[in-house]
N, C-alpha and C. Protein backbone atom coordinates (compact mmCIF):
# COMPACT_ATOMS: atom_id res chain seq x y z
N MET A 1 101.80 88.08 123.31
CA MET A 1 101.28 86.72 123.38
C MET A 1 102.42 85.74 123.65
N LYS A 2 103.55 85.92 122.94
CA LYS A 2 104.69 85.03 123.14
C LYS A 2 105.20 85.11 124.57
N ASN A 3 105.22 86.33 125.13
CA ASN A 3 105.68 86.50 126.51
C ASN A 3 104.77 85.79 127.50
N LYS A 4 103.48 85.83 127.23
CA LYS A 4 102.51 85.18 128.11
C LYS A 4 102.70 83.66 128.08
N ILE A 5 102.89 83.11 126.89
CA ILE A 5 103.12 81.67 126.74
C ILE A 5 104.43 81.27 127.40
N LEU A 6 105.45 82.08 127.21
CA LEU A 6 106.75 81.82 127.83
C LEU A 6 106.64 81.84 129.35
N LEU A 7 105.91 82.80 129.88
CA LEU A 7 105.70 82.88 131.33
C LEU A 7 104.98 81.65 131.85
N ILE A 8 103.92 81.24 131.16
CA ILE A 8 103.15 80.06 131.57
C ILE A 8 104.03 78.82 131.53
N LEU A 9 104.82 78.65 130.50
CA LEU A 9 105.72 77.49 130.39
C LEU A 9 106.79 77.51 131.49
N THR A 10 107.30 78.69 131.81
CA THR A 10 108.30 78.81 132.86
C THR A 10 107.71 78.43 134.21
N VAL A 11 106.55 78.97 134.53
CA VAL A 11 105.88 78.65 135.80
C VAL A 11 105.59 77.16 135.86
N PHE A 12 105.09 76.59 134.79
CA PHE A 12 104.79 75.16 134.74
C PHE A 12 106.06 74.34 134.97
N SER A 13 107.15 74.72 134.34
CA SER A 13 108.42 73.99 134.49
C SER A 13 108.93 74.04 135.93
N VAL A 14 108.86 75.21 136.53
CA VAL A 14 109.30 75.35 137.93
C VAL A 14 108.45 74.46 138.83
N CYS A 15 107.15 74.46 138.61
CA CYS A 15 106.26 73.61 139.42
C CYS A 15 106.58 72.12 139.24
N MET A 16 106.85 71.72 138.02
CA MET A 16 107.17 70.31 137.76
C MET A 16 108.50 69.92 138.41
N ILE A 17 109.47 70.80 138.37
CA ILE A 17 110.76 70.51 139.01
C ILE A 17 110.57 70.37 140.51
N GLY A 18 109.82 71.29 141.11
CA GLY A 18 109.54 71.22 142.55
C GLY A 18 108.81 69.93 142.91
N ALA A 19 107.83 69.57 142.11
CA ALA A 19 107.07 68.34 142.37
C ALA A 19 107.96 67.11 142.25
N SER A 20 108.89 67.13 141.30
CA SER A 20 109.76 65.96 141.13
C SER A 20 110.67 65.76 142.35
N PHE A 21 111.09 66.85 143.01
CA PHE A 21 111.88 66.70 144.24
C PHE A 21 111.06 65.99 145.31
N LYS A 22 109.80 66.34 145.46
CA LYS A 22 108.94 65.72 146.46
C LYS A 22 108.71 64.24 146.13
N ILE A 23 108.55 63.93 144.84
CA ILE A 23 108.32 62.55 144.42
C ILE A 23 109.55 61.69 144.72
N MET A 24 110.74 62.26 144.53
CA MET A 24 111.97 61.51 144.76
C MET A 24 112.22 61.28 146.26
N GLN A 25 111.67 62.14 147.10
CA GLN A 25 111.85 61.96 148.54
C GLN A 25 110.89 60.89 149.03
N LYS A 26 111.38 60.11 149.97
CA LYS A 26 110.56 59.07 150.54
C LYS A 26 110.02 59.53 151.89
N PRO A 27 108.77 59.21 152.19
CA PRO A 27 108.28 59.53 153.53
C PRO A 27 109.08 58.70 154.54
N SER A 28 109.23 59.23 155.70
CA SER A 28 110.01 58.54 156.72
C SER A 28 109.33 57.25 157.15
N LYS A 29 110.15 56.22 157.33
CA LYS A 29 109.63 54.96 157.86
C LYS A 29 109.45 55.14 159.38
N PRO A 30 108.64 54.31 160.00
CA PRO A 30 108.45 54.43 161.45
C PRO A 30 109.79 54.38 162.18
N TRP A 31 109.92 55.21 163.18
CA TRP A 31 111.17 55.32 163.93
C TRP A 31 110.97 54.64 165.28
N VAL A 32 111.57 53.49 165.43
CA VAL A 32 111.43 52.72 166.67
C VAL A 32 112.36 53.30 167.72
N VAL A 33 111.78 53.66 168.85
CA VAL A 33 112.51 54.26 169.96
C VAL A 33 112.61 53.21 171.07
N PRO A 34 113.82 52.96 171.61
CA PRO A 34 113.95 52.00 172.70
C PRO A 34 113.06 52.36 173.90
N GLU A 35 112.56 51.35 174.54
CA GLU A 35 111.61 51.49 175.65
C GLU A 35 112.09 52.48 176.71
N LYS A 36 113.37 52.43 177.07
CA LYS A 36 113.85 53.30 178.15
C LYS A 36 113.69 54.79 177.81
N TYR A 37 113.74 55.12 176.52
CA TYR A 37 113.58 56.52 176.12
C TYR A 37 112.11 56.93 176.08
N LEU A 38 111.22 55.98 175.79
CA LEU A 38 109.80 56.30 175.72
C LEU A 38 109.29 56.87 177.04
N LYS A 39 109.85 56.38 178.15
CA LYS A 39 109.39 56.80 179.47
C LYS A 39 110.31 57.83 180.13
N MET A 40 111.37 58.22 179.43
CA MET A 40 112.35 59.14 179.99
C MET A 40 111.73 60.53 180.17
N VAL A 41 111.98 61.11 181.33
CA VAL A 41 111.47 62.44 181.65
C VAL A 41 112.58 63.46 181.43
N ASN A 42 112.23 64.59 180.88
CA ASN A 42 113.19 65.66 180.64
C ASN A 42 113.64 66.24 181.98
N PRO A 43 114.93 66.15 182.30
CA PRO A 43 115.42 66.68 183.57
C PRO A 43 115.66 68.19 183.55
N VAL A 44 115.53 68.81 182.36
CA VAL A 44 115.79 70.25 182.24
C VAL A 44 114.46 71.00 182.20
N LYS A 45 114.29 71.91 183.14
CA LYS A 45 113.06 72.70 183.21
C LYS A 45 112.91 73.54 181.94
N ALA A 46 111.70 73.56 181.40
CA ALA A 46 111.43 74.30 180.16
C ALA A 46 111.19 75.78 180.47
N ASP A 47 112.22 76.42 181.01
CA ASP A 47 112.11 77.85 181.31
C ASP A 47 112.68 78.66 180.15
N ALA A 48 112.63 79.98 180.27
CA ALA A 48 113.08 80.86 179.18
C ALA A 48 114.55 80.61 178.82
N LYS A 49 115.39 80.37 179.82
CA LYS A 49 116.82 80.14 179.56
C LYS A 49 117.01 78.89 178.71
N SER A 50 116.34 77.81 179.08
CA SER A 50 116.46 76.55 178.33
C SER A 50 115.91 76.69 176.92
N ILE A 51 114.75 77.30 176.79
CA ILE A 51 114.12 77.45 175.48
C ILE A 51 114.96 78.34 174.57
N ASN A 52 115.50 79.42 175.10
CA ASN A 52 116.36 80.29 174.29
C ASN A 52 117.64 79.58 173.87
N SER A 53 118.20 78.79 174.76
CA SER A 53 119.39 78.01 174.43
C SER A 53 119.06 76.99 173.34
N GLY A 54 117.91 76.32 173.49
CA GLY A 54 117.47 75.35 172.49
C GLY A 54 117.21 75.99 171.14
N LYS A 55 116.66 77.20 171.17
CA LYS A 55 116.40 77.91 169.91
C LYS A 55 117.70 78.23 169.19
N ALA A 56 118.70 78.70 169.94
CA ALA A 56 120.00 79.01 169.32
C ALA A 56 120.62 77.75 168.71
N LEU A 57 120.50 76.63 169.42
CA LEU A 57 121.02 75.36 168.90
C LEU A 57 120.24 74.91 167.67
N PHE A 58 118.93 75.10 167.69
CA PHE A 58 118.08 74.73 166.56
C PHE A 58 118.47 75.53 165.32
N ILE A 59 118.65 76.83 165.49
CA ILE A 59 119.03 77.69 164.35
C ILE A 59 120.35 77.22 163.77
N LYS A 60 121.29 76.91 164.63
CA LYS A 60 122.63 76.51 164.17
C LYS A 60 122.66 75.10 163.58
N ASN A 61 121.94 74.16 164.17
CA ASN A 61 122.09 72.75 163.83
C ASN A 61 120.92 72.10 163.09
N CYS A 62 119.74 72.69 163.16
CA CYS A 62 118.54 71.99 162.68
C CYS A 62 117.75 72.74 161.60
N GLN A 63 117.83 74.05 161.62
CA GLN A 63 116.97 74.88 160.78
C GLN A 63 117.15 74.62 159.29
N ASP A 64 118.35 74.30 158.85
CA ASP A 64 118.57 74.08 157.42
C ASP A 64 117.69 72.98 156.85
N CYS A 65 117.37 71.98 157.65
CA CYS A 65 116.51 70.90 157.18
C CYS A 65 115.07 71.08 157.68
N HIS A 66 114.92 71.40 158.96
CA HIS A 66 113.58 71.47 159.56
C HIS A 66 112.85 72.78 159.32
N GLY A 67 113.56 73.80 158.83
CA GLY A 67 112.93 75.09 158.54
C GLY A 67 112.87 75.99 159.76
N LYS A 68 112.67 77.27 159.53
CA LYS A 68 112.65 78.27 160.61
C LYS A 68 111.58 78.01 161.65
N LYS A 69 110.44 77.48 161.20
CA LYS A 69 109.32 77.25 162.11
C LYS A 69 109.08 75.78 162.40
N GLY A 70 110.02 74.91 161.97
CA GLY A 70 109.89 73.48 162.23
C GLY A 70 108.91 72.76 161.33
N LEU A 71 108.61 73.34 160.19
CA LEU A 71 107.62 72.74 159.28
C LEU A 71 108.21 71.67 158.37
N GLY A 72 109.53 71.46 158.44
CA GLY A 72 110.16 70.48 157.56
C GLY A 72 110.43 71.04 156.17
N ASP A 73 110.59 72.35 156.10
CA ASP A 73 110.73 73.02 154.80
C ASP A 73 112.04 73.83 154.70
N GLY A 74 113.09 73.32 155.30
CA GLY A 74 114.37 74.02 155.28
C GLY A 74 115.01 74.06 153.92
N SER A 75 116.05 74.87 153.80
CA SER A 75 116.72 75.07 152.51
C SER A 75 117.40 73.81 151.98
N LYS A 76 117.74 72.86 152.83
CA LYS A 76 118.41 71.63 152.38
C LYS A 76 117.45 70.51 151.99
N VAL A 77 116.16 70.72 152.15
CA VAL A 77 115.18 69.67 151.87
C VAL A 77 115.30 69.09 150.47
N PRO A 78 115.53 69.89 149.43
CA PRO A 78 115.65 69.30 148.09
C PRO A 78 116.82 68.30 147.96
N ASP A 79 117.80 68.42 148.84
CA ASP A 79 118.97 67.53 148.79
C ASP A 79 118.79 66.27 149.64
N LEU A 80 117.70 66.17 150.38
CA LEU A 80 117.49 65.04 151.29
C LEU A 80 116.77 63.89 150.60
N LYS A 81 117.02 62.70 151.11
CA LYS A 81 116.35 61.51 150.58
C LYS A 81 115.02 61.26 151.27
N SER A 82 114.83 61.84 152.46
CA SER A 82 113.57 61.69 153.18
C SER A 82 113.05 63.06 153.58
N ILE A 83 111.81 63.13 153.95
CA ILE A 83 111.16 64.38 154.28
C ILE A 83 111.22 64.60 155.80
N PRO A 84 111.78 65.74 156.25
CA PRO A 84 111.79 66.02 157.69
C PRO A 84 110.36 66.16 158.21
N PRO A 85 110.13 65.79 159.47
CA PRO A 85 108.77 65.89 159.99
C PRO A 85 108.35 67.33 160.23
N ASP A 86 107.06 67.54 160.24
CA ASP A 86 106.47 68.82 160.64
C ASP A 86 106.44 68.80 162.16
N MET A 87 107.27 69.61 162.78
CA MET A 87 107.38 69.63 164.24
C MET A 87 106.28 70.46 164.90
N THR A 88 105.35 70.97 164.11
CA THR A 88 104.28 71.80 164.68
C THR A 88 102.97 71.03 164.84
N ASN A 89 102.91 69.82 164.33
CA ASN A 89 101.63 69.12 164.34
C ASN A 89 101.44 68.23 165.58
N ALA A 90 100.21 67.80 165.77
CA ALA A 90 99.85 67.03 166.96
C ALA A 90 100.56 65.68 167.02
N VAL A 91 100.82 65.07 165.88
CA VAL A 91 101.51 63.77 165.86
C VAL A 91 102.91 63.92 166.45
N PHE A 92 103.62 64.96 166.04
CA PHE A 92 104.96 65.20 166.59
C PHE A 92 104.88 65.45 168.10
N HIS A 93 103.94 66.28 168.51
CA HIS A 93 103.84 66.65 169.93
C HIS A 93 103.28 65.53 170.80
N ALA A 94 102.74 64.50 170.20
CA ALA A 94 102.25 63.36 170.97
C ALA A 94 103.40 62.48 171.47
N GLN A 95 104.58 62.67 170.92
CA GLN A 95 105.75 61.89 171.36
C GLN A 95 106.18 62.31 172.76
N SER A 96 106.79 61.40 173.45
CA SER A 96 107.35 61.74 174.77
C SER A 96 108.62 62.56 174.57
N ASP A 97 108.99 63.31 175.61
CA ASP A 97 110.25 64.06 175.56
C ASP A 97 111.42 63.12 175.32
N GLY A 98 111.38 61.95 175.95
CA GLY A 98 112.46 60.98 175.79
C GLY A 98 112.59 60.49 174.35
N SER A 99 111.45 60.34 173.66
CA SER A 99 111.49 59.92 172.25
C SER A 99 112.17 60.98 171.39
N ILE A 100 111.80 62.23 171.61
CA ILE A 100 112.40 63.32 170.85
C ILE A 100 113.89 63.41 171.17
N PHE A 101 114.24 63.28 172.45
CA PHE A 101 115.64 63.32 172.87
C PHE A 101 116.44 62.21 172.18
N TYR A 102 115.87 61.02 172.13
CA TYR A 102 116.54 59.88 171.47
C TYR A 102 116.78 60.18 169.99
N LYS A 103 115.75 60.67 169.31
CA LYS A 103 115.87 60.94 167.87
C LYS A 103 116.90 62.03 167.60
N ILE A 104 116.91 63.07 168.42
CA ILE A 104 117.91 64.13 168.28
C ILE A 104 119.30 63.55 168.53
N SER A 105 119.43 62.74 169.56
CA SER A 105 120.73 62.20 169.97
C SER A 105 121.30 61.23 168.94
N GLU A 106 120.49 60.29 168.49
CA GLU A 106 120.98 59.19 167.66
C GLU A 106 120.86 59.43 166.16
N GLY A 107 119.86 60.21 165.74
CA GLY A 107 119.68 60.45 164.32
C GLY A 107 119.44 59.17 163.53
N ARG A 108 119.24 59.33 162.23
CA ARG A 108 119.14 58.20 161.29
C ARG A 108 118.98 58.77 159.90
N ASP A 109 119.40 58.00 158.94
CA ASP A 109 119.32 58.41 157.53
C ASP A 109 119.91 59.82 157.35
N ASP A 110 119.11 60.76 156.83
CA ASP A 110 119.59 62.12 156.61
C ASP A 110 119.82 62.90 157.91
N MET A 111 119.15 62.50 158.96
CA MET A 111 119.27 63.22 160.24
C MET A 111 120.57 62.82 160.93
N PRO A 112 121.46 63.80 161.16
CA PRO A 112 122.73 63.46 161.80
C PRO A 112 122.57 63.09 163.26
N ARG A 113 123.54 62.38 163.75
CA ARG A 113 123.60 61.97 165.16
C ARG A 113 124.09 63.17 165.97
N SER A 114 123.19 63.88 166.62
CA SER A 114 123.54 65.12 167.31
C SER A 114 124.40 64.89 168.55
N LYS A 115 124.41 63.66 169.03
CA LYS A 115 125.24 63.34 170.19
C LYS A 115 126.71 63.66 169.90
N LYS A 116 127.07 63.60 168.63
CA LYS A 116 128.45 63.87 168.21
C LYS A 116 128.77 65.36 168.33
N ASP A 117 127.92 66.21 167.77
CA ASP A 117 128.16 67.66 167.77
C ASP A 117 127.70 68.33 169.07
N LEU A 118 126.76 67.72 169.74
CA LEU A 118 126.24 68.25 171.01
C LEU A 118 126.39 67.18 172.08
N PRO A 119 127.62 66.98 172.57
CA PRO A 119 127.86 65.87 173.51
C PRO A 119 127.20 66.05 174.89
N GLU A 120 126.83 67.28 175.22
CA GLU A 120 126.19 67.52 176.52
C GLU A 120 124.70 67.19 176.43
N ASP A 121 124.24 66.28 177.30
CA ASP A 121 122.82 65.94 177.32
C ASP A 121 121.95 67.18 177.49
N GLU A 122 122.39 68.12 178.32
CA GLU A 122 121.58 69.31 178.59
C GLU A 122 121.27 70.09 177.31
N ASP A 123 122.23 70.16 176.40
CA ASP A 123 121.99 70.85 175.13
C ASP A 123 120.86 70.18 174.35
N ARG A 124 120.88 68.87 174.31
CA ARG A 124 119.85 68.14 173.57
C ARG A 124 118.49 68.23 174.27
N TRP A 125 118.50 68.28 175.60
CA TRP A 125 117.24 68.49 176.33
C TRP A 125 116.72 69.90 176.08
N ASN A 126 117.62 70.87 175.97
CA ASN A 126 117.20 72.24 175.64
C ASN A 126 116.54 72.27 174.26
N LEU A 127 117.08 71.49 173.32
CA LEU A 127 116.45 71.38 172.00
C LEU A 127 115.04 70.80 172.12
N VAL A 128 114.88 69.78 172.94
CA VAL A 128 113.56 69.20 173.17
C VAL A 128 112.62 70.28 173.68
N ASN A 129 113.06 71.05 174.67
CA ASN A 129 112.21 72.11 175.21
C ASN A 129 111.85 73.13 174.14
N TYR A 130 112.80 73.47 173.28
CA TYR A 130 112.50 74.44 172.23
C TYR A 130 111.51 73.88 171.21
N VAL A 131 111.74 72.68 170.71
CA VAL A 131 110.84 72.16 169.66
C VAL A 131 109.42 71.96 170.20
N ARG A 132 109.28 71.81 171.50
CA ARG A 132 107.95 71.74 172.11
C ARG A 132 107.19 73.05 171.95
N THR A 133 107.90 74.17 171.72
CA THR A 133 107.23 75.47 171.55
C THR A 133 106.77 75.68 170.11
N LEU A 134 107.19 74.82 169.19
CA LEU A 134 106.85 74.98 167.77
C LEU A 134 105.44 74.43 167.52
N LYS A 135 104.51 75.31 167.37
CA LYS A 135 103.12 74.89 167.15
C LYS A 135 102.47 75.79 166.12
N LYS A 136 101.47 75.25 165.45
CA LYS A 136 100.75 76.04 164.43
C LYS A 136 99.87 77.06 165.09
């Protein structure tokens, strides 16, 4: 009986700790993208080479926060002040390629400015092509 109560209390405690991390995180505020990026067209063809390159970059630079499948559930999420977006949903995919490119390039808050680590535009466009493949 004591073991059962201890197990229940342990599970409850773990759930409460997990919930407190989510409560402390703030949902992202709207991200205003400059007009020129809203209409920007991706100059890199979304072929297998580009998508594979983007995937390798995603694993190296993005997966820790955005998660393996882009769900926003990466291993660093408990340390973040804001919640990464779910890159598999329709809201994310409704953005233009230029909007995603801008956000990857410039970053904000917890999201680093990828233009620094990935100075080649083509790399960031390859990331755009890869995240477009992330769907439920």
